[in-house]
Amino acid sequence: MSADPKSLHEVTAQPLYAHRKKVYPRLLLGRYSYLRGAATLILLGLYYVIPWIVINGQPLVHFDLPARRFHIFFFTLVPQDLFLLTWLLIIAAITLFFFTNLGGRLWCGYACPQTVWTKTFLWMEELAEGNRAHRMKLDRGPWTTEKVLRRSGKHLLWIVFSLWTGFTFVAYFTPAPELTGKVVDLGLGPWETFWILFYGFATYGNAGLLREQVCKYMCPYARFQSAMFDKDTMIISYDEARGEPRMSAKKAEKYEGQAGDCVDCTLCVQVCPVGIDIRDGLQYECIACAACIDACDSVMDRLDRPRGLVRYTTHHALHGQASKLLRPRTIAYGFIWASLCVGLLVALFLRNPIALDVVRDRNALYQLVGDSVENVYTLHITNKSEEAHRFALSIADLPGAQFSPPVGEFRLEARAKQQVPVRIRVPADKLAPGANDIEIVVTRVGSEKAASDTATARFFAPFNTTPGGTR
């Protein structure tokens, strides 16, 4: 039996991807919206204010890439402290696993940068174009003077805020007062200009234009969240047993005792920033912002019915079973998280305040000076502490080795780095042919707390000693 060619064409002509249906979130006040608003103000406040805080001439947070120093609050990290950054990233991952297993997508709903900046852009959009009904009417209507002015005002607000966001991002790398002076004098460098524009454009695109599409299609977290959920994880759910069958309040009066509490007002859908219907069950697009809870509670209050038709709950609780806050996976995540946090604090407070790197001179492998062999090095010494100190150099693990000329004590300011070129001579009869290990030690002197750092380098000697020669 042959298939109808026309029906085959109709099947194969279906688009592979659905066209985006624009979401018009309705802004509604409620207990969870106040929490989200407070989180937004705190997080944005910290982001925009921290670069301007200067203590003792040092920004509170400053990533100094040319000097390879990262000053974070009261700690100065150098490349040798890279393991601390790795440690911090591991803690961030375990934190995400731990709190997701406990409370679902709390990060997405309250603290994710995409959520925080999108909410800010929605505030500006409502300020310029009006509420949800006005925005929908404006989009459907023709291009009038009012539409041009409102749309232009919205994008102007977005662009200014995005550029300020990009400027603040760069201010973490170039101190904010210095960066402001460069902007005023039109003296921005190419890289600073690029990153201000790039980060500003990314903010404008993600929070202003893409919005929920970032959460739906670009964010990997939504895809693997199910691996961290279980039936005792707090999620936002619709109580189907209580809410069904749905019917309007007027219709429910005719079927007293048979209608559910849901009046099918769709307000929970209107306030959803990703455009889903929570009544269809848990969906990967849900960012757990709890806007639907505020919307449903407001309707229940007007109808004089109990709140909680849409609420934070667990799968077990929703089906009348007991929920367990402490369970093996939660305990394991919590123990690992607490151990890593304590370990990081200990590592920060016990870390070595001195860093020493040794770089050999590449121009000459060695030089013969009388009966001695000489190698040249450049020492990179970093004072990671918050105070200036005096330092001394010494050589270990190679008998007869000494600096030529001798290196005396030197002072290094707080959070400063210094390059010290040195020549080291060793009697030829104390050396094995070829490569020898040598340890250079830098020690803090004149301080109550002793501190030192050691770096191992190669000291090269000839296989056949010929006085006065180089190689």
Protein backbone atom coordinates (compact mmCIF):
# COMPACT_ATOMS: atom_id res chain seq x y z
CA MET A 1 0.00 0.00 0.00
CA SER A 2 1.67 3.27 -1.13
CA ALA A 3 1.72 6.43 0.98
CA ASP A 4 0.10 9.64 -0.19
CA PRO A 5 2.92 11.91 -1.54
CA LYS A 6 1.10 14.98 -0.29
CA SER A 7 0.85 13.66 3.28
CA LEU A 8 4.55 12.70 3.21
CA HIS A 9 5.47 16.23 2.16
CA GLU A 10 3.38 17.69 4.97
CA VAL A 11 5.14 15.50 7.55
CA THR A 12 8.67 16.22 6.36
CA ALA A 13 8.01 19.95 6.02
CA GLN A 14 7.52 20.40 9.76
CA PRO A 15 10.12 22.73 11.31
CA LEU A 16 12.78 21.10 13.44
CA TYR A 17 12.70 23.87 16.09
CA ALA A 18 9.65 25.71 17.36
CA HIS A 19 9.56 29.45 16.83
CA ARG A 20 10.18 31.40 20.01
CA LYS A 21 7.03 32.62 21.69
CA LYS A 22 7.89 35.83 23.51
CA VAL A 23 7.32 35.73 27.25
CA TYR A 24 5.80 38.75 28.95
CA PRO A 25 6.33 38.18 32.68
CA ARG A 26 3.91 39.99 34.92
CA LEU A 27 5.55 41.64 37.92
CA LEU A 28 3.65 40.81 41.08
CA LEU A 29 4.48 41.57 44.71
CA GLY A 30 4.56 38.87 47.36
CA ARG A 31 6.71 37.40 50.09
CA TYR A 32 9.01 35.60 47.66
CA SER A 33 9.23 38.56 45.29
CA TYR A 34 10.46 40.64 48.24
CA LEU A 35 13.13 38.02 48.94
CA ARG A 36 14.20 38.03 45.27
CA GLY A 37 14.24 41.83 45.26
CA ALA A 38 16.39 41.92 48.39
CA ALA A 39 18.78 39.34 46.93
CA THR A 40 19.00 41.35 43.71
CA LEU A 41 19.77 44.62 45.51
CA ILE A 42 22.39 42.98 47.75
CA LEU A 43 24.16 41.12 44.95
CA LEU A 44 24.13 44.04 42.51
CA GLY A 45 25.14 46.39 45.31
CA LEU A 46 28.17 44.26 46.14
CA TYR A 47 29.12 43.93 42.47
CA TYR A 48 28.96 47.66 41.73
CA VAL A 49 30.32 48.98 45.04
CA ILE A 50 33.26 46.67 45.85
CA PRO A 51 35.62 48.08 43.14
CA TRP A 52 35.30 51.53 44.73
CA ILE A 53 36.28 50.41 48.24
CA VAL A 54 39.94 51.23 48.91
CA ILE A 55 41.69 50.36 52.20
CA ASN A 56 45.21 51.69 52.85
CA GLY A 57 45.59 52.55 49.18
CA GLN A 58 44.65 49.03 48.05
CA PRO A 59 41.30 48.16 46.39
CA LEU A 60 39.31 45.63 48.39
CA VAL A 61 39.29 43.30 45.35
CA HIS A 62 41.89 43.76 42.62
CA PHE A 63 43.02 41.25 40.01
CA ASP A 64 46.38 42.67 38.94
CA LEU A 65 47.18 40.58 35.85
CA PRO A 66 50.42 42.35 34.78
CA ALA A 67 51.90 41.84 38.24
CA ARG A 68 50.26 38.41 38.58
CA ARG A 69 48.76 39.30 41.95
CA PHE A 70 45.17 38.84 43.06
CA HIS A 71 44.16 40.88 46.08
CA ILE A 72 40.91 39.55 47.53
CA PHE A 73 39.78 41.31 50.71
CA PHE A 74 42.70 40.92 53.09
CA PHE A 75 44.63 38.26 51.16
CA THR A 76 47.04 38.67 48.27
CA LEU A 77 47.33 35.59 46.08
CA VAL A 78 50.11 34.88 43.58
CA PRO A 79 50.42 32.16 40.90
CA GLN A 80 51.87 29.80 43.53
CA ASP A 81 48.48 30.00 45.27
CA LEU A 82 46.63 28.66 42.24
CA PHE A 83 45.69 25.54 44.20
CA LEU A 84 43.59 27.78 46.48
CA LEU A 85 41.56 28.94 43.48
CA THR A 86 41.05 25.32 42.43
CA TRP A 87 40.01 24.54 45.98
CA LEU A 88 37.51 27.41 45.90
CA LEU A 89 36.00 26.18 42.62
CA ILE A 90 35.55 22.71 44.09
CA ILE A 91 33.79 24.26 47.11
CA ALA A 92 31.49 26.18 44.73
CA ALA A 93 30.56 22.96 42.93
CA ILE A 94 29.88 21.05 46.17
CA THR A 95 27.87 24.02 47.47
CA LEU A 96 25.69 23.83 44.37
CA PHE A 97 25.19 20.08 44.80
CA PHE A 98 24.45 20.39 48.53
CA PHE A 99 21.87 23.16 48.36
CA THR A 100 20.27 21.78 45.20
CA ASN A 101 19.75 18.44 46.94
CA LEU A 102 18.21 20.29 49.89
CA GLY A 103 16.15 23.06 48.29
CA GLY A 104 16.11 22.57 44.54
CA ARG A 105 17.17 25.37 42.22
CA LEU A 106 17.60 28.06 44.87
CA TRP A 107 20.68 29.33 43.02
CA CYS A 108 18.72 29.85 39.81
CA GLY A 109 15.79 31.58 41.47
CA TYR A 110 17.64 33.99 43.73
CA ALA A 111 21.37 34.34 43.01
CA CYS A 112 22.19 33.36 39.41
CA PRO A 113 23.60 36.38 37.50
CA GLN A 114 21.22 35.65 34.63
CA THR A 115 18.25 35.83 37.00
CA VAL A 116 19.52 38.91 38.84
CA TRP A 117 20.26 40.95 35.72
CA THR A 118 17.12 39.78 33.90
CA LYS A 119 14.98 40.95 36.81
CA THR A 120 16.74 44.33 36.71
CA PHE A 121 16.12 44.63 32.97
CA LEU A 122 12.44 43.73 33.51
CA TRP A 123 12.15 46.55 36.04
CA MET A 124 13.54 48.98 33.46
CA GLU A 125 11.26 47.56 30.76
CA GLU A 126 8.16 48.06 32.91
CA LEU A 127 9.34 51.57 33.78
CA ALA A 128 9.62 52.48 30.09
CA GLU A 129 6.79 50.47 28.49
CA GLY A 130 4.31 49.83 31.28
CA ASN A 131 2.86 46.66 32.74
CA ARG A 132 2.39 43.31 31.01
CA ALA A 133 -0.84 44.27 29.21
CA HIS A 134 0.67 47.53 27.96
CA ARG A 135 3.80 45.77 26.70
CA MET A 136 1.77 43.17 24.80
CA LYS A 137 -0.43 45.88 23.30
CA LEU A 138 2.62 47.93 22.35
CA ASP A 139 4.21 44.98 20.52
CA ARG A 140 1.03 44.17 18.59
CA GLY A 141 0.34 47.80 17.65
CA PRO A 142 1.78 49.83 14.76
CA TRP A 143 4.88 52.01 15.05
CA THR A 144 3.64 55.27 16.50
CA THR A 145 5.50 58.15 18.12
CA GLU A 146 4.65 56.76 21.54
CA LYS A 147 5.96 53.30 20.61
CA VAL A 148 9.20 54.73 19.23
CA LEU A 149 9.77 56.86 22.33
CA ARG A 150 8.95 54.07 24.79
CA ARG A 151 11.00 51.47 22.93
CA SER A 152 13.94 53.88 22.52
CA GLY A 153 13.78 54.81 26.20
CA LYS A 154 13.88 51.15 27.21
CA HIS A 155 16.88 50.34 25.06
CA LEU A 156 18.66 53.50 26.19
CA LEU A 157 18.25 52.41 29.82
CA TRP A 158 19.48 48.91 28.92
CA ILE A 159 22.54 50.21 27.04
CA VAL A 160 23.59 52.64 29.78
CA PHE A 161 23.18 49.97 32.46
CA SER A 162 25.04 47.39 30.34
CA LEU A 163 27.98 49.74 29.75
CA TRP A 164 28.11 50.52 33.46
CA THR A 165 28.15 46.77 34.10
CA GLY A 166 31.05 46.34 31.65
CA PHE A 167 32.90 49.27 33.22
CA THR A 168 32.49 47.72 36.68
CA PHE A 169 33.78 44.37 35.43
CA VAL A 170 36.97 45.98 34.11
CA ALA A 171 37.27 47.95 37.40
CA TYR A 172 38.12 44.67 39.13
CA PHE A 173 41.28 44.54 36.97
CA THR A 174 42.07 48.27 36.65
CA PRO A 175 41.31 50.21 39.86
CA ALA A 176 38.02 52.10 39.51
CA PRO A 177 39.45 55.64 40.15
CA GLU A 178 42.20 55.05 37.60
CA LEU A 179 39.73 53.61 35.08
CA THR A 180 37.39 56.56 35.58
CA GLY A 181 40.25 58.97 34.85
CA LYS A 182 41.03 57.11 31.64
CA VAL A 183 37.38 57.28 30.53
CA VAL A 184 37.16 61.01 31.28
CA ASP A 185 40.45 61.72 29.46
CA LEU A 186 39.52 59.37 26.58
CA GLY A 187 42.66 57.39 27.37
CA LEU A 188 41.29 53.85 27.58
CA GLY A 189 43.60 51.15 26.30
CA PRO A 190 42.47 48.70 23.60
CA TRP A 191 41.95 45.78 25.98
CA GLU A 192 40.01 47.87 28.50
CA THR A 193 37.80 49.23 25.73
CA PHE A 194 37.24 45.74 24.32
CA TRP A 195 36.20 44.20 27.65
CA ILE A 196 33.90 47.06 28.62
CA LEU A 197 32.09 46.75 25.30
CA PHE A 198 32.18 42.94 25.26
CA TYR A 199 30.86 42.49 28.78
CA GLY A 200 28.31 45.26 28.24
CA PHE A 201 27.10 43.60 25.05
CA ALA A 202 26.89 40.21 26.80
CA THR A 203 24.76 41.75 29.57
CA TYR A 204 22.52 43.51 27.07
CA GLY A 205 22.08 40.37 24.98
CA ASN A 206 21.60 37.83 27.76
CA ALA A 207 19.43 39.83 30.16
CA GLY A 208 17.66 42.08 27.66
CA LEU A 209 17.14 40.01 24.52
CA LEU A 210 17.66 36.30 25.21
CA ARG A 211 16.36 36.11 28.77
CA GLU A 212 14.61 32.76 29.37
CA GLN A 213 16.32 31.23 26.32
CA VAL A 214 19.63 31.29 28.23
CA CYS A 215 18.02 29.21 31.00
CA LYS A 216 16.26 26.87 28.57
CA TYR A 217 18.92 26.22 25.95
CA MET A 218 22.32 27.52 27.09
CA CYS A 219 22.57 26.74 30.81
CA PRO A 220 23.80 23.18 31.49
CA TYR A 221 22.55 23.23 35.07
CA ALA A 222 18.95 22.60 34.02
CA ARG A 223 20.05 19.43 32.24
CA PHE A 224 21.82 17.72 35.11
CA GLN A 225 19.74 19.00 38.03
CA SER A 226 17.74 15.75 38.04
CA ALA A 227 20.90 13.92 39.10
CA MET A 228 20.88 15.95 42.35
CA PHE A 229 17.13 15.76 43.02
CA ASP A 230 15.38 13.04 44.99
CA LYS A 231 11.88 12.65 46.39
CA ASP A 232 12.81 14.62 49.52
CA THR A 233 14.17 17.67 47.66
CA MET A 234 12.21 20.88 48.14
CA ILE A 235 10.65 21.85 44.82
CA ILE A 236 7.83 24.14 43.69
CA SER A 237 4.78 22.01 42.99
CA TYR A 238 1.09 22.33 42.23
CA ASP A 239 -1.17 20.32 44.56
CA GLU A 240 -3.17 18.48 41.94
CA ALA A 241 -5.27 16.58 44.46
CA ARG A 242 -6.51 19.84 45.94
CA GLY A 243 -6.70 21.91 42.77
CA GLU A 244 -8.50 19.58 40.34
CA PRO A 245 -10.89 19.72 38.65
CA ARG A 246 -10.24 23.30 37.61
CA MET A 247 -13.11 25.67 36.98
CA SER A 248 -13.87 29.35 37.41
CA ALA A 249 -15.18 30.64 40.73
CA LYS A 250 -18.65 31.28 39.27
CA LYS A 251 -18.86 27.85 37.74
CA ALA A 252 -17.62 26.28 40.97
CA GLU A 253 -20.67 27.68 42.77
CA LYS A 254 -22.89 25.46 40.62
CA TYR A 255 -20.81 22.38 41.40
CA GLU A 256 -20.29 22.92 45.12
CA GLY A 257 -18.15 20.19 46.60
CA GLN A 258 -17.02 18.91 43.21
CA ALA A 259 -14.69 21.71 42.04
CA GLY A 260 -11.05 22.03 43.02
CA ASP A 261 -9.45 25.15 44.47
CA CYS A 262 -7.79 26.11 41.16
CA VAL A 263 -9.97 28.66 39.35
CA ASP A 264 -7.89 28.44 36.17
CA CYS A 265 -7.01 32.15 36.26
CA THR A 266 -3.59 31.43 34.63
CA LEU A 267 -1.98 34.07 36.84
CA CYS A 268 0.75 31.55 37.72
CA VAL A 269 1.59 31.33 34.01
CA GLN A 270 1.52 35.09 33.50
CA VAL A 271 4.13 35.75 36.18
CA CYS A 272 6.48 32.94 35.14
CA PRO A 273 9.71 34.39 33.66
CA VAL A 274 10.28 31.28 31.52
CA GLY A 275 6.65 30.93 30.39
CA ILE A 276 5.79 27.48 31.77
CA ASP A 277 2.66 26.24 33.52
CA ILE A 278 3.61 24.87 36.93
CA ARG A 279 0.35 22.88 36.94
CA ASP A 280 1.88 20.57 34.32
CA GLY A 281 4.36 19.28 36.91
CA LEU A 282 8.08 19.76 37.49
CA GLN A 283 9.83 20.91 34.31
CA TYR A 284 13.50 21.46 33.60
CA GLU A 285 12.79 25.06 32.51
CA CYS A 286 11.56 26.01 36.00
CA ILE A 287 14.12 28.23 37.76
CA ALA A 288 12.35 28.02 41.16
CA CYS A 289 11.82 31.78 41.43
CA ALA A 290 8.53 31.16 43.33
CA ALA A 291 6.68 33.88 41.39
CA CYS A 292 3.88 31.36 40.79
CA ILE A 293 3.55 30.84 44.57
CA ASP A 294 3.06 34.58 45.14
CA ALA A 295 0.51 34.71 42.31
CA CYS A 296 -1.51 31.71 43.52
CA ASP A 297 -1.42 32.85 47.16
CA SER A 298 -2.82 36.25 46.15
CA VAL A 299 -5.73 34.55 44.37
CA MET A 300 -6.40 32.23 47.32
CA ASP A 301 -6.43 35.25 49.64
CA ARG A 302 -9.07 36.98 47.48
CA LEU A 303 -11.20 33.82 47.42
CA ASP A 304 -10.74 33.28 51.17
CA ARG A 305 -9.17 29.87 50.60
CA PRO A 306 -6.07 28.41 52.26
CA ARG A 307 -2.70 29.27 50.73
CA GLY A 308 -0.39 26.58 49.44
CA LEU A 309 -2.11 25.34 46.29
CA VAL A 310 1.27 26.05 44.67
CA ARG A 311 4.03 25.81 47.24
CA TYR A 312 7.49 24.65 48.16
CA THR A 313 7.17 20.99 49.05
CA THR A 314 8.67 17.58 48.38
CA HIS A 315 7.43 14.71 46.26
CA HIS A 316 6.89 12.61 49.36
CA ALA A 317 5.00 15.36 51.21
CA LEU A 318 2.82 16.05 48.17
CA HIS A 319 1.73 12.41 48.22
CA GLY A 320 1.12 12.27 51.96
CA GLN A 321 4.40 10.62 52.93
CA ALA A 322 6.98 11.71 55.49
CA SER A 323 9.92 13.75 54.19
CA LYS A 324 13.48 13.47 55.48
CA LEU A 325 15.70 16.52 55.63
CA LEU A 326 18.78 14.52 56.61
CA ARG A 327 19.47 11.62 54.29
CA PRO A 328 22.68 9.87 53.18
CA ARG A 329 23.35 12.05 50.14
CA THR A 330 22.64 15.28 52.03
CA ILE A 331 24.88 14.23 54.91
CA ALA A 332 27.68 13.28 52.50
CA TYR A 333 27.44 16.59 50.61
CA GLY A 334 27.31 18.53 53.88
CA PHE A 335 30.32 16.76 55.37
CA ILE A 336 32.43 17.24 52.23
CA TRP A 337 31.36 20.89 51.94
CA ALA A 338 32.13 21.68 55.59
CA SER A 339 35.49 19.89 55.41
CA LEU A 340 36.52 21.79 52.29
CA CYS A 341 35.47 25.15 53.77
CA VAL A 342 37.39 24.54 57.00
CA GLY A 343 40.39 23.29 55.03
CA LEU A 344 40.39 26.40 52.83
CA LEU A 345 40.30 28.72 55.84
CA VAL A 346 43.18 26.82 57.45
CA ALA A 347 45.17 26.93 54.20
CA LEU A 348 44.58 30.69 53.87
CA PHE A 349 45.70 31.51 57.40
CA LEU A 350 48.65 29.10 57.39
CA ARG A 351 49.88 29.77 53.88
CA ASN A 352 53.44 30.89 53.36
CA PRO A 353 53.61 34.73 53.23
CA ILE A 354 56.69 34.53 50.98
CA ALA A 355 56.93 33.24 47.42
CA LEU A 356 60.21 32.54 45.61
CA ASP A 357 60.68 31.68 41.95
CA VAL A 358 64.06 31.06 40.33
CA VAL A 359 64.69 31.66 36.63
CA ARG A 360 68.03 30.68 35.07
CA ASP A 361 69.89 32.95 32.70
CA ARG A 362 69.39 31.54 29.21
CA ASN A 363 72.35 33.33 27.62
CA ALA A 364 75.05 31.18 29.21
CA LEU A 365 74.79 27.68 30.61
CA TYR A 366 77.72 28.29 32.93
CA GLN A 367 80.95 30.31 33.18
CA LEU A 368 84.34 29.27 34.52
CA VAL A 369 85.92 31.80 36.91
CA GLY A 370 89.31 30.57 38.13
CA ASP A 371 88.74 27.29 39.93
CA SER A 372 85.01 27.95 40.31
CA VAL A 373 81.91 27.54 38.15
CA GLU A 374 79.40 30.37 38.00
CA ASN A 375 75.69 30.29 37.10
CA VAL A 376 73.43 33.33 36.80
CA TYR A 377 69.82 33.44 38.04
CA THR A 378 67.01 35.93 38.48
CA LEU A 379 65.07 35.52 41.72
CA HIS A 380 61.41 36.59 41.81
CA ILE A 381 60.52 37.29 45.44
CA THR A 382 56.98 38.18 46.53
CA ASN A 383 55.93 39.53 49.91
CA LYS A 384 52.33 38.30 50.20
CA SER A 385 51.76 39.78 53.65
CA GLU A 386 50.08 43.08 54.46
CA GLU A 387 53.25 44.56 56.04
CA ALA A 388 56.71 45.51 54.77
CA HIS A 389 59.56 43.19 55.87
CA ARG A 390 63.29 42.69 55.44
CA PHE A 391 64.56 39.54 53.74
CA ALA A 392 67.84 37.63 53.43
CA LEU A 393 69.02 35.05 50.89
CA SER A 394 71.03 31.88 51.48
CA ILE A 395 72.04 28.73 49.60
CA ALA A 396 71.48 25.17 50.78
CA ASP A 397 72.17 21.65 49.54
CA LEU A 398 75.34 22.51 47.60
CA PRO A 399 78.62 22.70 49.61
CA GLY A 400 80.83 25.71 48.91
CA ALA A 401 78.16 27.64 47.02
CA GLN A 402 78.05 31.40 47.60
CA PHE A 403 76.69 34.56 46.04
CA SER A 404 79.17 36.63 44.04
CA PRO A 405 79.06 39.42 44.98
CA PRO A 406 77.39 38.75 48.35
CA VAL A 407 73.73 39.70 48.59
CA GLY A 408 72.79 41.67 51.68
CA GLU A 409 69.42 42.09 53.34
CA PHE A 410 66.78 44.02 51.42
CA ARG A 411 63.38 45.51 52.20
CA LEU A 412 60.19 44.53 50.40
CA GLU A 413 56.98 46.50 50.78
CA ALA A 414 53.61 44.92 51.57
CA ARG A 415 52.13 42.94 48.65
CA ALA A 416 55.21 43.83 46.59
CA LYS A 417 57.28 41.77 44.19
CA GLN A 418 60.97 42.23 43.41
CA GLN A 419 63.41 40.72 40.93
CA VAL A 420 66.90 40.06 42.29
CA PRO A 421 69.63 39.07 39.78
CA VAL A 422 72.31 36.92 41.44
CA ARG A 423 75.50 35.09 40.49
CA ILE A 424 76.32 31.88 42.33
CA ARG A 425 79.82 30.41 42.37
CA VAL A 426 80.78 26.91 43.44
CA PRO A 427 84.30 25.39 43.56
CA ALA A 428 84.68 23.06 40.60
CA ASP A 429 85.87 20.19 42.81
CA LYS A 430 82.58 20.34 44.75
CA LEU A 431 80.50 19.74 41.64
CA ALA A 432 79.49 16.64 39.76
CA PRO A 433 79.76 16.92 35.95
CA GLY A 434 76.56 18.16 34.32
CA ALA A 435 73.51 19.22 36.30
CA ASN A 436 73.55 19.67 40.09
CA ASP A 437 70.61 20.48 42.36
CA ILE A 438 70.83 23.72 44.32
CA GLU A 439 68.37 25.15 46.84
CA ILE A 440 67.97 28.91 47.26
CA VAL A 441 66.28 30.07 50.45
CA VAL A 442 64.68 33.46 51.17
CA THR A 443 64.04 34.18 54.86
CA ARG A 444 62.12 36.94 56.57
CA VAL A 445 64.29 38.61 59.21
CA GLY A 446 63.54 40.95 62.09
CA SER A 447 60.03 39.57 62.56
CA GLU A 448 58.46 37.71 65.47
CA LYS A 449 56.97 35.13 63.09
CA ALA A 450 59.60 33.22 61.15
CA ALA A 451 58.88 32.59 57.50
CA SER A 452 60.88 31.34 54.56
CA ASP A 453 60.49 29.79 51.14
CA THR A 454 62.80 27.48 49.22
CA ALA A 455 63.14 26.97 45.49
CA THR A 456 65.16 24.23 43.81
CA ALA A 457 67.11 25.02 40.65
CA ARG A 458 69.70 23.40 38.40
CA PHE A 459 73.35 24.39 38.66
CA PHE A 460 75.33 23.33 35.58
CA ALA A 461 78.99 22.40 35.51
CA PRO A 462 81.22 21.28 32.60
CA PHE A 463 82.21 17.67 32.11
CA ASN A 464 85.82 18.77 31.62
CA THR A 465 86.89 21.89 33.54
CA THR A 466 88.91 24.40 31.54
CA PRO A 467 89.58 27.61 33.51
CA GLY A 468 88.43 30.86 31.89
CA GLY A 469 85.96 29.25 29.49
CA THR A 470 82.21 29.64 29.02
CA ARG A 471 79.52 27.55 27.51
